[in-house]
Amino acid sequence: MSQELTFKVWISSMMENGNRTNRLGFTAFGHDDY
């Protein structure tokens, strides 16, 4: 599995969960504007 595909799947699962912990994970990657 390519990194890009893994990232897309991760984002997809994040959006479904709507979990605060996942948002913190995004911030760690510098996407705190999500």
PDB file of N, CA and C in Angstrom:
ATOM      1  N   MET A   1       0.845  -1.195   0.000  1.00  0.00           N
ATOM      2  CA  MET A   1       0.000   0.000   0.000  1.00  0.00           C
ATOM      3  C   MET A   1       0.883   1.250   0.000  1.00  0.00           C
ATOM      4  N   SER A   2       0.585   2.161  -0.920  1.00  0.00           N
ATOM      5  CA  SER A   2       1.394   3.374  -0.988  1.00  0.00           C
ATOM      6  C   SER A   2       1.085   4.294   0.185  1.00  0.00           C
ATOM      7  N   GLN A   3       2.022   5.163   0.482  1.00  0.00           N
ATOM      8  CA  GLN A   3       1.829   6.090   1.600  1.00  0.00           C
ATOM      9  C   GLN A   3       0.634   6.998   1.343  1.00  0.00           C
ATOM     10  N   GLU A   4       0.480   7.448   0.102  1.00  0.00           N
ATOM     11  CA  GLU A   4      -0.611   8.368  -0.220  1.00  0.00           C
ATOM     12  C   GLU A   4      -1.956   7.699   0.019  1.00  0.00           C
ATOM     13  N   LEU A   5      -2.079   6.453  -0.407  1.00  0.00           N
ATOM     14  CA  LEU A   5      -3.337   5.725  -0.235  1.00  0.00           C
ATOM     15  C   LEU A   5      -3.624   5.524   1.248  1.00  0.00           C
ATOM     16  N   THR A   6      -2.598   5.175   2.005  1.00  0.00           N
ATOM     17  CA  THR A   6      -2.761   4.990   3.449  1.00  0.00           C
ATOM     18  C   THR A   6      -3.247   6.277   4.085  1.00  0.00           C
ATOM     19  N   PHE A   7      -2.680   7.399   3.650  1.00  0.00           N
ATOM     20  CA  PHE A   7      -3.054   8.705   4.203  1.00  0.00           C
ATOM     21  C   PHE A   7      -4.517   9.008   3.903  1.00  0.00           C
ATOM     22  N   LYS A   8      -4.938   8.724   2.661  1.00  0.00           N
ATOM     23  CA  LYS A   8      -6.333   8.982   2.280  1.00  0.00           C
ATOM     24  C   LYS A   8      -7.288   8.126   3.090  1.00  0.00           C
ATOM     25  N   VAL A   9      -6.926   6.869   3.287  1.00  0.00           N
ATOM     26  CA  VAL A   9      -7.776   5.971   4.072  1.00  0.00           C
ATOM     27  C   VAL A   9      -7.855   6.470   5.510  1.00  0.00           C
ATOM     28  N   TRP A  10      -6.709   6.951   6.028  1.00  0.00           N
ATOM     29  CA  TRP A  10      -6.660   7.458   7.401  1.00  0.00           C
ATOM     30  C   TRP A  10      -7.568   8.683   7.540  1.00  0.00           C
ATOM     31  N   ILE A  11      -7.488   9.602   6.587  1.00  0.00           N
ATOM     32  CA  ILE A  11      -8.341  10.799   6.619  1.00  0.00           C
ATOM     33  C   ILE A  11      -9.801  10.389   6.554  1.00  0.00           C
ATOM     34  N   SER A  12     -10.095   9.438   5.679  1.00  0.00           N
ATOM     35  CA  SER A  12     -11.472   8.958   5.512  1.00  0.00           C
ATOM     36  C   SER A  12     -11.999   8.428   6.842  1.00  0.00           C
ATOM     37  N   SER A  13     -11.207   7.633   7.509  1.00  0.00           N
ATOM     38  CA  SER A  13     -11.626   7.039   8.783  1.00  0.00           C
ATOM     39  C   SER A  13     -11.732   8.121   9.853  1.00  0.00           C
ATOM     40  N   MET A  14     -10.852   9.132   9.757  1.00  0.00           N
ATOM     41  CA  MET A  14     -10.914  10.246  10.706  1.00  0.00           C
ATOM     42  C   MET A  14     -12.228  10.996  10.574  1.00  0.00           C
ATOM     43  N   MET A  15     -12.606  11.289   9.344  1.00  0.00           N
ATOM     44  CA  MET A  15     -13.827  12.043   9.092  1.00  0.00           C
ATOM     45  C   MET A  15     -15.045  11.267   9.601  1.00  0.00           C
ATOM     46  N   GLU A  16     -15.005   9.967   9.480  1.00  0.00           N
ATOM     47  CA  GLU A  16     -16.118   9.143   9.960  1.00  0.00           C
ATOM     48  C   GLU A  16     -16.181   9.169  11.484  1.00  0.00           C
ATOM     49  N   ASN A  17     -15.021   9.085  12.112  1.00  0.00           N
ATOM     50  CA  ASN A  17     -14.983   9.057  13.570  1.00  0.00           C
ATOM     51  C   ASN A  17     -15.318  10.413  14.170  1.00  0.00           C
ATOM     52  N   GLY A  18     -14.824  11.491  13.552  1.00  0.00           N
ATOM     53  CA  GLY A  18     -15.033  12.818  14.109  1.00  0.00           C
ATOM     54  C   GLY A  18     -14.486  12.888  15.522  1.00  0.00           C
ATOM     55  N   ASN A  19     -13.386  12.189  15.744  1.00  0.00           N
ATOM     56  CA  ASN A  19     -12.829  12.049  17.084  1.00  0.00           C
ATOM     57  C   ASN A  19     -11.838  13.166  17.384  1.00  0.00           C
ATOM     58  N   ARG A  20     -11.915  13.704  18.587  1.00  0.00           N
ATOM     59  CA  ARG A  20     -11.022  14.785  18.993  1.00  0.00           C
ATOM     60  C   ARG A  20      -9.562  14.327  18.987  1.00  0.00           C
ATOM     61  N   THR A  21      -9.338  13.089  19.368  1.00  0.00           N
ATOM     62  CA  THR A  21      -7.983  12.546  19.386  1.00  0.00           C
ATOM     63  C   THR A  21      -7.399  12.550  17.980  1.00  0.00           C
ATOM     64  N   ASN A  22      -8.229  12.245  16.992  1.00  0.00           N
ATOM     65  CA  ASN A  22      -7.758  12.233  15.610  1.00  0.00           C
ATOM     66  C   ASN A  22      -7.385  13.640  15.154  1.00  0.00           C
ATOM     67  N   ARG A  23      -8.122  14.614  15.639  1.00  0.00           N
ATOM     68  CA  ARG A  23      -7.810  16.003  15.268  1.00  0.00           C
ATOM     69  C   ARG A  23      -6.418  16.372  15.793  1.00  0.00           C
ATOM     70  N   LEU A  24      -6.098  15.867  16.988  1.00  0.00           N
ATOM     71  CA  LEU A  24      -4.769  16.128  17.561  1.00  0.00           C
ATOM     72  C   LEU A  24      -3.704  15.478  16.681  1.00  0.00           C
ATOM     73  N   GLY A  25      -4.029  14.329  16.133  1.00  0.00           N
ATOM     74  CA  GLY A  25      -3.094  13.656  15.233  1.00  0.00           C
ATOM     75  C   GLY A  25      -2.848  14.511  14.004  1.00  0.00           C
ATOM     76  N   PHE A  26      -3.907  15.142  13.500  1.00  0.00           N
ATOM     77  CA  PHE A  26      -3.765  16.015  12.339  1.00  0.00           C
ATOM     78  C   PHE A  26      -2.850  17.188  12.673  1.00  0.00           C
ATOM     79  N   THR A  27      -3.053  17.760  13.872  1.00  0.00           N
ATOM     80  CA  THR A  27      -2.247  18.900  14.298  1.00  0.00           C
ATOM     81  C   THR A  27      -0.766  18.522  14.335  1.00  0.00           C
ATOM     82  N   ALA A  28      -0.497  17.302  14.726  1.00  0.00           N
ATOM     83  CA  ALA A  28       0.892  16.838  14.808  1.00  0.00           C
ATOM     84  C   ALA A  28       1.523  16.844  13.418  1.00  0.00           C
ATOM     85  N   PHE A  29       0.679  16.699  12.387  1.00  0.00           N
ATOM     86  CA  PHE A  29       1.197  16.695  11.018  1.00  0.00           C
ATOM     87  C   PHE A  29       1.171  18.097  10.401  1.00  0.00           C
ATOM     88  N   GLY A  30       0.778  19.102  11.213  1.00  0.00           N
ATOM     89  CA  GLY A  30       0.772  20.469  10.714  1.00  0.00           C
ATOM     90  C   GLY A  30      -0.485  20.808   9.939  1.00  0.00           C
ATOM     91  N   HIS A  31      -1.562  20.071  10.174  1.00  0.00           N
ATOM     92  CA  HIS A  31      -2.825  20.364   9.489  1.00  0.00           C
ATOM     93  C   HIS A  31      -3.865  20.826  10.502  1.00  0.00           C
ATOM     94  N   ASP A  32      -3.477  21.702  11.389  1.00  0.00           N
ATOM     95  CA  ASP A  32      -4.398  22.121  12.441  1.00  0.00           C
ATOM     96  C   ASP A  32      -5.490  23.043  11.902  1.00  0.00           C
ATOM     97  N   ASP A  33      -5.439  23.366  10.602  1.00  0.00           N
ATOM     98  CA  ASP A  33      -6.487  24.205  10.028  1.00  0.00           C
ATOM     99  C   ASP A  33      -7.648  23.359   9.530  1.00  0.00           C
ATOM    100  N   TYR A  34      -7.533  22.034   9.687  1.00  0.00           N
ATOM    101  CA  TYR A  34      -8.580  21.119   9.221  1.00  0.00           C
ATOM    102  C   TYR A  34      -9.829  21.305  10.052  1.00  0.00           C
TER     103      TYR A  34
END
